Protein backbone atom coordinates (compact mmCIF):
# COMPACT_ATOMS: atom_id res chain seq x y z
CA UNK A 1 -27.93 -41.66 29.40
CA UNK A 2 -27.79 -42.84 25.81
CA UNK A 3 -31.43 -41.89 25.34
CA UNK A 4 -30.80 -38.49 26.94
CA UNK A 5 -27.90 -37.77 24.59
CA UNK A 6 -30.05 -38.53 21.55
CA UNK A 7 -33.26 -36.93 22.85
CA UNK A 8 -31.52 -33.83 24.21
CA UNK A 9 -28.82 -33.02 21.66
CA UNK A 10 -28.25 -29.43 22.89
CA UNK A 11 -25.77 -29.40 25.74
CA UNK A 12 -27.65 -26.81 27.84
CA UNK A 13 -30.89 -28.80 27.70
CA UNK A 14 -29.02 -32.04 28.38
CA UNK A 15 -27.24 -30.61 31.41
CA UNK A 16 -30.34 -28.92 32.84
CA UNK A 17 -32.52 -32.01 32.42
CA UNK A 18 -30.03 -34.44 33.94
CA UNK A 19 -29.27 -32.06 36.80
CA UNK A 20 -32.96 -32.04 37.69
CA UNK A 21 -33.18 -35.81 37.48
CA UNK A 22 -30.07 -36.29 39.65
CA UNK A 23 -31.30 -33.82 42.28
CA UNK A 24 -34.57 -35.72 42.63
CA UNK A 25 -32.99 -39.19 42.65
CA UNK A 26 -30.18 -38.25 45.03
CA UNK A 27 -32.61 -36.52 47.39
CA UNK A 28 -34.73 -39.67 47.53
CA UNK A 29 -31.64 -41.78 48.19
CA UNK A 30 -30.49 -39.38 50.90
CA UNK A 31 -33.83 -39.62 52.71
CA UNK A 32 -33.71 -43.41 52.47
CA UNK A 33 -30.20 -43.44 53.93
CA UNK A 34 -31.23 -41.10 56.73
CA UNK A 35 -34.23 -43.28 57.60
CA UNK A 36 -32.03 -46.39 57.52
CA UNK A 37 -29.61 -44.81 60.00
CA UNK A 38 -26.64 -44.56 57.63
CA UNK A 39 -26.02 -40.90 58.46
CA UNK A 40 -23.80 -40.92 61.53
CA UNK A 41 -22.05 -37.88 62.95
CA UNK A 42 -18.85 -38.73 61.01
CA UNK A 43 -20.73 -39.14 57.74
CA UNK A 44 -22.50 -35.82 58.26
CA UNK A 45 -19.22 -34.00 58.99
CA UNK A 46 -17.58 -35.54 55.93
CA UNK A 47 -20.58 -34.59 53.80
CA UNK A 48 -20.38 -30.98 54.97
CA UNK A 49 -16.63 -30.86 54.29
CA UNK A 50 -17.24 -32.18 50.77
CA UNK A 51 -19.58 -29.26 50.03
CA UNK A 52 -16.53 -26.98 49.62
CA UNK A 53 -14.98 -28.83 46.66
CA UNK A 54 -18.48 -29.45 45.32
CA UNK A 55 -19.10 -25.69 45.10
CA UNK A 56 -15.76 -25.21 43.32
CA UNK A 57 -16.60 -28.00 40.88
CA UNK A 58 -19.99 -26.46 40.08
CA UNK A 59 -18.37 -23.09 39.31
CA UNK A 60 -15.64 -24.73 37.20
CA UNK A 61 -18.22 -26.86 35.37
CA UNK A 62 -20.30 -23.79 34.53
CA UNK A 63 -17.25 -22.04 33.09
CA UNK A 64 -16.19 -25.08 31.08
CA UNK A 65 -19.74 -25.59 29.85
CA UNK A 66 -19.67 -22.20 28.16
CA UNK A 67 -16.26 -22.81 26.57
CA UNK A 68 -16.75 -26.35 25.22
CA UNK A 69 -18.18 -26.69 21.71
CA UNK A 70 -21.25 -28.87 21.16
CA UNK A 71 -19.33 -31.47 19.15
CA UNK A 72 -16.64 -31.76 21.83
CA UNK A 73 -19.33 -32.08 24.50
CA UNK A 74 -20.96 -34.98 22.64
CA UNK A 75 -17.61 -36.73 22.13
CA UNK A 76 -16.78 -36.38 25.83
CA UNK A 77 -20.22 -37.65 26.80
CA UNK A 78 -19.87 -40.74 24.61
CA UNK A 79 -16.33 -41.35 25.87
CA UNK A 80 -17.51 -41.22 29.48
CA UNK A 81 -20.37 -43.58 28.65
CA UNK A 82 -17.89 -46.00 27.07
CA UNK A 83 -15.55 -45.86 30.07
CA UNK A 84 -18.47 -46.31 32.49
CA UNK A 85 -19.74 -49.29 30.51
CA UNK A 86 -16.29 -50.90 30.52
CA UNK A 87 -15.93 -50.39 34.27
CA UNK A 88 -19.27 -52.11 34.81
CA UNK A 89 -18.13 -55.11 32.76
CA UNK A 90 -14.84 -55.53 34.57
C-alpha cells in the first residue's frame, strides 16, 4: 500500500489499480475457499445478502471519490495505513 500511494499519486489511478489487484486476489481466495469446502449453504446465503450493502457502498464511494480533494485523499489513505499498522501490532 505504501508503495502504491507513492507510485500512484493520482487518486483515480490509485483506486483503479488497487481495485483490479483486489478483484484478482479475492477471486483466487474465493476459489480456494470453495475448493476447501468453506462455502456452505449458510455462508452462500450470507454472502448474497451482503451484496446489497456492498452495492450501496460502491455507489457512495464513487460519489465521495469525486468530491474529495487529492490532498484529503492522501491524508485519509495515510491515516488508514497508520491505524491498520497499529491494529496489527496490538
